[in-house]
Amino acid sequence: MGALAFDTLAFSRRMEAAGFTRQQAEALAEEQAALIDERQATKVDLAKTEVSLLTELAKVDSSLRAELAKVDSSLLTELAKVESSLRTELAKTESSLRTEIVKSYHDLEVKLAKVEASIYSAKADLQRWMIGILAVNIGAMTALIKLLH
């Protein structure tokens, strides 16, 4: 019998009091004791179960760690691909921006040259007008001086 105490005598007496014959009560008590012994877990049973559970837990742990390592490796590979793709895209964008800046700078230089030419032309026209007006004024003053003398 295991660690759980089953009083077969007391059980048998209760059965007799309930109307069973002595033979029936004793047979029932013995069968009940055998069932209890058969179904009762012993320390050895518990130790075996513990070892089995620890072994299964170790397998699960190992499996999960391996799967985690695969996922980690996969994520690192994917991250490297994304990083490479972003660097390539950044280089393209940088190159495109540099080209656009150079083009814009050239366009500004052309426009500046046109503005400078326009200013130079306006300056020359203004100088011609001023000389013309000065010549007319000198002529008018000379005529006025001659007229007054």
N, C-alpha and C. Protein backbone atom coordinates (compact mmCIF):
# COMPACT_ATOMS: atom_id res chain seq x y z
N MET A 1 0.84 -1.17 0.00
CA MET A 1 0.00 0.00 0.00
C MET A 1 0.88 1.23 0.00
N GLY A 2 0.42 2.35 -0.67
CA GLY A 2 1.20 3.58 -0.81
C GLY A 2 1.06 4.46 0.40
N ALA A 3 1.32 5.74 0.20
CA ALA A 3 1.34 6.71 1.27
C ALA A 3 -0.06 7.02 1.80
N LEU A 4 -1.10 6.85 0.98
CA LEU A 4 -2.45 7.14 1.41
C LEU A 4 -2.97 5.96 2.22
N ALA A 5 -3.38 6.22 3.45
CA ALA A 5 -3.86 5.14 4.32
C ALA A 5 -5.34 4.90 4.05
N PHE A 6 -5.67 3.66 3.78
CA PHE A 6 -7.05 3.28 3.55
C PHE A 6 -7.38 2.18 4.56
N ASP A 7 -8.31 2.51 5.42
CA ASP A 7 -8.68 1.58 6.50
C ASP A 7 -9.72 0.61 5.95
N THR A 8 -9.22 -0.59 5.54
CA THR A 8 -10.12 -1.58 4.93
C THR A 8 -11.12 -2.14 5.96
N LEU A 9 -10.68 -2.24 7.22
CA LEU A 9 -11.57 -2.77 8.25
C LEU A 9 -12.74 -1.83 8.49
N ALA A 10 -12.44 -0.55 8.62
CA ALA A 10 -13.52 0.42 8.85
C ALA A 10 -14.45 0.47 7.63
N PHE A 11 -13.88 0.37 6.42
CA PHE A 11 -14.67 0.39 5.21
C PHE A 11 -15.59 -0.83 5.16
N SER A 12 -15.01 -1.99 5.48
CA SER A 12 -15.75 -3.25 5.46
C SER A 12 -16.91 -3.20 6.46
N ARG A 13 -16.67 -2.67 7.65
CA ARG A 13 -17.73 -2.57 8.67
C ARG A 13 -18.85 -1.63 8.21
N ARG A 14 -18.48 -0.51 7.53
CA ARG A 14 -19.50 0.41 7.02
C ARG A 14 -20.35 -0.27 5.96
N MET A 15 -19.74 -1.10 5.14
CA MET A 15 -20.46 -1.81 4.09
C MET A 15 -21.41 -2.85 4.69
N GLU A 16 -20.92 -3.55 5.73
CA GLU A 16 -21.79 -4.53 6.41
C GLU A 16 -22.97 -3.81 7.03
N ALA A 17 -22.73 -2.65 7.62
CA ALA A 17 -23.81 -1.87 8.24
C ALA A 17 -24.79 -1.40 7.19
N ALA A 18 -24.33 -1.24 5.96
CA ALA A 18 -25.20 -0.78 4.88
C ALA A 18 -25.98 -1.93 4.26
N GLY A 19 -25.68 -3.21 4.69
CA GLY A 19 -26.46 -4.32 4.18
C GLY A 19 -25.67 -5.33 3.37
N PHE A 20 -24.38 -5.12 3.19
CA PHE A 20 -23.57 -6.10 2.47
C PHE A 20 -23.25 -7.26 3.40
N THR A 21 -22.99 -8.43 2.83
CA THR A 21 -22.54 -9.57 3.64
C THR A 21 -21.09 -9.31 3.98
N ARG A 22 -20.59 -10.09 4.96
CA ARG A 22 -19.19 -9.91 5.37
C ARG A 22 -18.27 -10.18 4.19
N GLN A 23 -18.52 -11.24 3.43
CA GLN A 23 -17.68 -11.58 2.28
C GLN A 23 -17.72 -10.46 1.23
N GLN A 24 -18.93 -9.94 0.98
CA GLN A 24 -19.05 -8.85 0.00
C GLN A 24 -18.29 -7.61 0.48
N ALA A 25 -18.45 -7.26 1.73
CA ALA A 25 -17.82 -6.07 2.29
C ALA A 25 -16.31 -6.20 2.26
N GLU A 26 -15.77 -7.39 2.61
CA GLU A 26 -14.32 -7.59 2.60
C GLU A 26 -13.77 -7.55 1.18
N ALA A 27 -14.48 -8.17 0.23
CA ALA A 27 -14.06 -8.17 -1.17
C ALA A 27 -14.06 -6.74 -1.72
N LEU A 28 -15.10 -6.02 -1.38
CA LEU A 28 -15.19 -4.63 -1.84
C LEU A 28 -14.08 -3.77 -1.22
N ALA A 29 -13.77 -3.97 0.04
CA ALA A 29 -12.71 -3.22 0.72
C ALA A 29 -11.36 -3.53 0.10
N GLU A 30 -11.10 -4.83 -0.17
CA GLU A 30 -9.82 -5.21 -0.79
C GLU A 30 -9.69 -4.62 -2.20
N GLU A 31 -10.77 -4.67 -2.96
CA GLU A 31 -10.76 -4.12 -4.33
C GLU A 31 -10.54 -2.60 -4.28
N GLN A 32 -11.21 -1.96 -3.33
CA GLN A 32 -11.05 -0.50 -3.18
C GLN A 32 -9.60 -0.17 -2.81
N ALA A 33 -8.99 -0.92 -1.93
CA ALA A 33 -7.60 -0.69 -1.52
C ALA A 33 -6.67 -0.90 -2.71
N ALA A 34 -6.94 -1.94 -3.51
CA ALA A 34 -6.10 -2.21 -4.69
C ALA A 34 -6.21 -1.06 -5.69
N LEU A 35 -7.43 -0.58 -5.90
CA LEU A 35 -7.63 0.56 -6.82
C LEU A 35 -6.89 1.80 -6.34
N ILE A 36 -6.96 2.05 -5.05
CA ILE A 36 -6.28 3.23 -4.50
C ILE A 36 -4.78 3.08 -4.68
N ASP A 37 -4.24 1.88 -4.37
CA ASP A 37 -2.80 1.65 -4.55
C ASP A 37 -2.39 1.80 -6.01
N GLU A 38 -3.24 1.28 -6.89
CA GLU A 38 -2.93 1.32 -8.33
C GLU A 38 -2.96 2.76 -8.86
N ARG A 39 -3.87 3.54 -8.39
CA ARG A 39 -4.05 4.90 -8.93
C ARG A 39 -3.25 5.96 -8.17
N GLN A 40 -2.75 5.62 -7.03
CA GLN A 40 -2.03 6.59 -6.22
C GLN A 40 -0.61 6.78 -6.76
N ALA A 41 -0.23 8.06 -6.95
CA ALA A 41 1.12 8.36 -7.44
C ALA A 41 2.10 8.30 -6.27
N THR A 42 3.19 7.59 -6.51
CA THR A 42 4.24 7.50 -5.49
C THR A 42 5.28 8.57 -5.76
N LYS A 43 6.22 8.70 -4.86
CA LYS A 43 7.32 9.65 -5.06
C LYS A 43 8.12 9.28 -6.30
N VAL A 44 8.27 7.99 -6.54
CA VAL A 44 8.99 7.52 -7.72
C VAL A 44 8.22 7.93 -8.98
N ASP A 45 6.89 7.74 -8.94
CA ASP A 45 6.06 8.14 -10.08
C ASP A 45 6.21 9.64 -10.34
N LEU A 46 6.16 10.41 -9.28
CA LEU A 46 6.29 11.87 -9.42
C LEU A 46 7.67 12.26 -9.94
N ALA A 47 8.70 11.59 -9.49
CA ALA A 47 10.06 11.87 -9.96
C ALA A 47 10.19 11.54 -11.45
N LYS A 48 9.61 10.40 -11.86
CA LYS A 48 9.64 10.04 -13.28
C LYS A 48 8.91 11.09 -14.12
N THR A 49 7.76 11.50 -13.64
CA THR A 49 6.98 12.52 -14.35
C THR A 49 7.76 13.83 -14.43
N GLU A 50 8.40 14.18 -13.33
CA GLU A 50 9.19 15.41 -13.31
C GLU A 50 10.33 15.33 -14.33
N VAL A 51 11.04 14.21 -14.37
CA VAL A 51 12.14 14.02 -15.33
C VAL A 51 11.60 14.10 -16.75
N SER A 52 10.47 13.46 -16.97
CA SER A 52 9.87 13.47 -18.31
C SER A 52 9.48 14.90 -18.72
N LEU A 53 8.87 15.60 -17.79
CA LEU A 53 8.47 16.99 -18.09
C LEU A 53 9.68 17.89 -18.31
N LEU A 54 10.72 17.71 -17.51
CA LEU A 54 11.93 18.52 -17.68
C LEU A 54 12.60 18.21 -19.02
N THR A 55 12.59 16.94 -19.40
CA THR A 55 13.17 16.56 -20.71
C THR A 55 12.37 17.20 -21.84
N GLU A 56 11.06 17.12 -21.75
CA GLU A 56 10.20 17.71 -22.78
C GLU A 56 10.37 19.23 -22.81
N LEU A 57 10.48 19.83 -21.65
CA LEU A 57 10.69 21.27 -21.56
C LEU A 57 12.03 21.67 -22.19
N ALA A 58 13.05 20.87 -21.96
CA ALA A 58 14.36 21.14 -22.57
C ALA A 58 14.28 21.04 -24.09
N LYS A 59 13.51 20.06 -24.59
CA LYS A 59 13.33 19.92 -26.04
C LYS A 59 12.62 21.15 -26.61
N VAL A 60 11.57 21.57 -25.94
CA VAL A 60 10.82 22.74 -26.38
C VAL A 60 11.71 23.98 -26.34
N ASP A 61 12.47 24.11 -25.27
CA ASP A 61 13.38 25.25 -25.14
C ASP A 61 14.39 25.27 -26.28
N SER A 62 14.97 24.11 -26.55
CA SER A 62 15.96 23.99 -27.62
C SER A 62 15.32 24.33 -28.97
N SER A 63 14.14 23.80 -29.20
CA SER A 63 13.42 24.05 -30.45
C SER A 63 13.11 25.54 -30.60
N LEU A 64 12.63 26.16 -29.54
CA LEU A 64 12.31 27.59 -29.58
C LEU A 64 13.55 28.44 -29.80
N ARG A 65 14.64 28.06 -29.16
CA ARG A 65 15.89 28.81 -29.34
C ARG A 65 16.39 28.70 -30.79
N ALA A 66 16.27 27.51 -31.36
CA ALA A 66 16.68 27.31 -32.76
C ALA A 66 15.80 28.14 -33.69
N GLU A 67 14.50 28.13 -33.44
CA GLU A 67 13.57 28.91 -34.26
C GLU A 67 13.84 30.40 -34.10
N LEU A 68 14.12 30.83 -32.88
CA LEU A 68 14.45 32.23 -32.63
C LEU A 68 15.73 32.62 -33.35
N ALA A 69 16.70 31.75 -33.37
CA ALA A 69 17.96 32.02 -34.08
C ALA A 69 17.70 32.16 -35.58
N LYS A 70 16.83 31.30 -36.13
CA LYS A 70 16.48 31.40 -37.55
C LYS A 70 15.79 32.73 -37.84
N VAL A 71 14.84 33.08 -37.00
CA VAL A 71 14.11 34.34 -37.19
C VAL A 71 15.06 35.52 -37.06
N ASP A 72 15.94 35.46 -36.08
CA ASP A 72 16.93 36.52 -35.88
C ASP A 72 17.82 36.67 -37.11
N SER A 73 18.30 35.55 -37.62
CA SER A 73 19.15 35.56 -38.81
C SER A 73 18.38 36.10 -40.00
N SER A 74 17.16 35.66 -40.15
CA SER A 74 16.31 36.12 -41.26
C SER A 74 16.08 37.62 -41.16
N LEU A 75 15.79 38.10 -39.97
CA LEU A 75 15.55 39.54 -39.78
C LEU A 75 16.81 40.35 -40.05
N LEU A 76 17.95 39.84 -39.62
CA LEU A 76 19.21 40.54 -39.89
C LEU A 76 19.50 40.61 -41.39
N THR A 77 19.23 39.52 -42.08
CA THR A 77 19.42 39.50 -43.53
C THR A 77 18.48 40.50 -44.20
N GLU A 78 17.23 40.49 -43.79
CA GLU A 78 16.24 41.41 -44.36
C GLU A 78 16.62 42.85 -44.05
N LEU A 79 17.08 43.10 -42.84
CA LEU A 79 17.50 44.44 -42.44
C LEU A 79 18.68 44.91 -43.30
N ALA A 80 19.62 44.01 -43.57
CA ALA A 80 20.77 44.36 -44.42
C ALA A 80 20.30 44.69 -45.83
N LYS A 81 19.32 43.94 -46.34
CA LYS A 81 18.78 44.23 -47.68
C LYS A 81 18.11 45.60 -47.70
N VAL A 82 17.33 45.89 -46.68
CA VAL A 82 16.63 47.18 -46.62
C VAL A 82 17.65 48.31 -46.52
N GLU A 83 18.67 48.11 -45.68
CA GLU A 83 19.71 49.13 -45.53
C GLU A 83 20.40 49.37 -46.87
N SER A 84 20.75 48.31 -47.57
CA SER A 84 21.41 48.43 -48.87
C SER A 84 20.52 49.15 -49.86
N SER A 85 19.27 48.78 -49.88
CA SER A 85 18.30 49.42 -50.77
C SER A 85 18.17 50.91 -50.46
N LEU A 86 18.10 51.23 -49.18
CA LEU A 86 17.98 52.65 -48.78
C LEU A 86 19.24 53.43 -49.15
N ARG A 87 20.40 52.81 -48.97
CA ARG A 87 21.65 53.49 -49.33
C ARG A 87 21.70 53.75 -50.85
N THR A 88 21.28 52.75 -51.63
CA THR A 88 21.24 52.92 -53.09
C THR A 88 20.28 54.04 -53.47
N GLU A 89 19.11 54.03 -52.87
CA GLU A 89 18.11 55.06 -53.16
C GLU A 89 18.61 56.44 -52.74
N LEU A 90 19.28 56.49 -51.61
CA LEU A 90 19.85 57.75 -51.13
C LEU A 90 20.92 58.27 -52.09
N ALA A 91 21.76 57.37 -52.58
CA ALA A 91 22.81 57.76 -53.53
C ALA A 91 22.18 58.29 -54.82
N LYS A 92 21.14 57.63 -55.31
CA LYS A 92 20.44 58.09 -56.51
C LYS A 92 19.84 59.47 -56.29
N THR A 93 19.19 59.65 -55.15
CA THR A 93 18.56 60.93 -54.83
C THR A 93 19.61 62.02 -54.71
N GLU A 94 20.71 61.70 -54.06
CA GLU A 94 21.80 62.68 -53.91
C GLU A 94 22.34 63.08 -55.28
N SER A 95 22.57 62.10 -56.14
CA SER A 95 23.09 62.36 -57.48
C SER A 95 22.10 63.22 -58.27
N SER A 96 20.83 62.87 -58.17
CA SER A 96 19.79 63.62 -58.87
C SER A 96 19.75 65.07 -58.37
N LEU A 97 19.84 65.24 -57.06
CA LEU A 97 19.82 66.59 -56.48
C LEU A 97 21.05 67.40 -56.91
N ARG A 98 22.20 66.75 -56.92
CA ARG A 98 23.41 67.45 -57.36
C ARG A 98 23.27 67.90 -58.81
N THR A 99 22.75 67.03 -59.67
CA THR A 99 22.54 67.37 -61.07
C THR A 99 21.57 68.55 -61.18
N GLU A 100 20.51 68.50 -60.42
CA GLU A 100 19.51 69.58 -60.44
C GLU A 100 20.11 70.89 -59.94
N ILE A 101 20.95 70.81 -58.91
CA ILE A 101 21.59 72.02 -58.38
C ILE A 101 22.52 72.62 -59.42
N VAL A 102 23.32 71.77 -60.08
CA VAL A 102 24.25 72.26 -61.11
C VAL A 102 23.47 72.90 -62.25
N LYS A 103 22.37 72.26 -62.67
CA LYS A 103 21.54 72.81 -63.75
C LYS A 103 20.94 74.16 -63.32
N SER A 104 20.43 74.21 -62.10
CA SER A 104 19.84 75.45 -61.60
C SER A 104 20.91 76.55 -61.51
N TYR A 105 22.10 76.18 -61.07
CA TYR A 105 23.20 77.15 -60.98
C TYR A 105 23.54 77.68 -62.37
N HIS A 106 23.61 76.78 -63.35
CA HIS A 106 23.90 77.18 -64.73
C HIS A 106 22.80 78.10 -65.25
N ASP A 107 21.53 77.71 -64.99
CA ASP A 107 20.41 78.56 -65.42
C ASP A 107 20.50 79.94 -64.79
N LEU A 108 20.87 79.99 -63.52
CA LEU A 108 21.01 81.29 -62.84
C LEU A 108 22.15 82.10 -63.44
N GLU A 109 23.25 81.43 -63.77
CA GLU A 109 24.37 82.14 -64.40
C GLU A 109 23.95 82.73 -65.74
N VAL A 110 23.19 81.96 -66.54
CA VAL A 110 22.71 82.45 -67.84
C VAL A 110 21.79 83.65 -67.62
N LYS A 111 20.86 83.55 -66.67
CA LYS A 111 19.94 84.66 -66.40
C LYS A 111 20.70 85.88 -65.88
N LEU A 112 21.70 85.64 -65.03
CA LEU A 112 22.50 86.74 -64.52
C LEU A 112 23.25 87.43 -65.65
N ALA A 113 23.79 86.63 -66.57
CA ALA A 113 24.50 87.21 -67.72
C ALA A 113 23.54 88.05 -68.56
N LYS A 114 22.30 87.59 -68.74
CA LYS A 114 21.31 88.35 -69.49
C LYS A 114 20.97 89.65 -68.77
N VAL A 115 20.81 89.57 -67.46
CA VAL A 115 20.50 90.77 -66.68
C VAL A 115 21.67 91.75 -66.76
N GLU A 116 22.90 91.22 -66.63
CA GLU A 116 24.08 92.10 -66.73
C GLU A 116 24.15 92.76 -68.11
N ALA A 117 23.87 91.98 -69.16
CA ALA A 117 23.88 92.53 -70.53
C ALA A 117 22.80 93.59 -70.68
N SER A 118 21.65 93.32 -70.10
CA SER A 118 20.54 94.28 -70.16
C SER A 118 20.91 95.55 -69.41
N ILE A 119 21.53 95.40 -68.25
CA ILE A 119 21.96 96.58 -67.48
C ILE A 119 23.02 97.35 -68.26
N TYR A 120 23.99 96.64 -68.86
CA TYR A 120 25.03 97.29 -69.64
C TYR A 120 24.43 98.05 -70.82
N SER A 121 23.44 97.39 -71.48
CA SER A 121 22.76 98.02 -72.62
C SER A 121 22.00 99.26 -72.16
N ALA A 122 21.30 99.14 -71.01
CA ALA A 122 20.55 100.28 -70.48
C ALA A 122 21.50 101.39 -70.09
N LYS A 123 22.64 101.02 -69.54
CA LYS A 123 23.64 102.01 -69.14
C LYS A 123 24.17 102.75 -70.38
N ALA A 124 24.45 101.99 -71.42
CA ALA A 124 24.95 102.60 -72.67
C ALA A 124 23.89 103.54 -73.25
N ASP A 125 22.63 103.08 -73.27
CA ASP A 125 21.54 103.93 -73.77
C ASP A 125 21.42 105.19 -72.93
N LEU A 126 21.51 105.02 -71.62
CA LEU A 126 21.41 106.16 -70.71
C LEU A 126 22.56 107.14 -70.96
N GLN A 127 23.76 106.62 -71.17
CA GLN A 127 24.91 107.48 -71.44
C GLN A 127 24.72 108.24 -72.76
N ARG A 128 24.22 107.56 -73.79
CA ARG A 128 23.96 108.22 -75.07
C ARG A 128 22.92 109.33 -74.90
N TRP A 129 21.86 109.02 -74.16
CA TRP A 129 20.83 110.03 -73.92
C TRP A 129 21.41 111.21 -73.14
N MET A 130 22.20 110.90 -72.14
CA MET A 130 22.77 111.99 -71.33
C MET A 130 23.72 112.85 -72.17
N ILE A 131 24.51 112.20 -73.00
CA ILE A 131 25.41 112.96 -73.87
C ILE A 131 24.59 113.80 -74.85
N GLY A 132 23.53 113.19 -75.39
CA GLY A 132 22.66 113.93 -76.31
C GLY A 132 22.02 115.12 -75.62
N ILE A 133 21.50 114.89 -74.43
CA ILE A 133 20.86 115.98 -73.68
C ILE A 133 21.91 117.03 -73.32
N LEU A 134 23.09 116.60 -72.95
CA LEU A 134 24.17 117.53 -72.60
C LEU A 134 24.54 118.37 -73.83
N ALA A 135 24.64 117.70 -74.98
CA ALA A 135 24.98 118.43 -76.21
C ALA A 135 23.89 119.44 -76.54
N VAL A 136 22.64 119.05 -76.40
CA VAL A 136 21.53 119.97 -76.66
C VAL A 136 21.58 121.12 -75.68
N ASN A 137 21.82 120.84 -74.41
CA ASN A 137 21.89 121.89 -73.39
C ASN A 137 23.06 122.85 -73.68
N ILE A 138 24.21 122.27 -74.07
CA ILE A 138 25.36 123.14 -74.39
C ILE A 138 25.01 124.01 -75.59
N GLY A 139 24.38 123.38 -76.60
CA GLY A 139 23.99 124.13 -77.78
C GLY A 139 23.00 125.23 -77.43
N ALA A 140 22.04 124.90 -76.58
CA ALA A 140 21.04 125.87 -76.19
C ALA A 140 21.68 126.97 -75.37
N MET A 141 22.61 126.69 -74.53
CA MET A 141 23.28 127.69 -73.71
C MET A 141 24.16 128.58 -74.58
N THR A 142 24.83 127.96 -75.52
CA THR A 142 25.67 128.75 -76.42
C THR A 142 24.79 129.71 -77.21
N ALA A 143 23.69 129.20 -77.72
CA ALA A 143 22.78 130.05 -78.49
C ALA A 143 22.23 131.15 -77.61
N LEU A 144 21.92 130.86 -76.41
CA LEU A 144 21.40 131.85 -75.47
C LEU A 144 22.45 132.90 -75.13
N ILE A 145 23.67 132.49 -74.98
CA ILE A 145 24.76 133.42 -74.67
C ILE A 145 24.99 134.32 -75.86
N LYS A 146 24.99 133.77 -77.08
CA LYS A 146 25.17 134.58 -78.27
C LYS A 146 24.01 135.54 -78.44
N LEU A 147 22.89 135.10 -78.12
CA LEU A 147 21.72 135.94 -78.28
C LEU A 147 21.76 137.08 -77.26
N LEU A 148 22.24 136.84 -76.11
CA LEU A 148 22.28 137.84 -75.06
C LEU A 148 23.48 138.78 -75.24
N HIS A 149 24.37 138.54 -76.06
CA HIS A 149 25.54 139.41 -76.23
C HIS A 149 25.44 140.18 -77.42
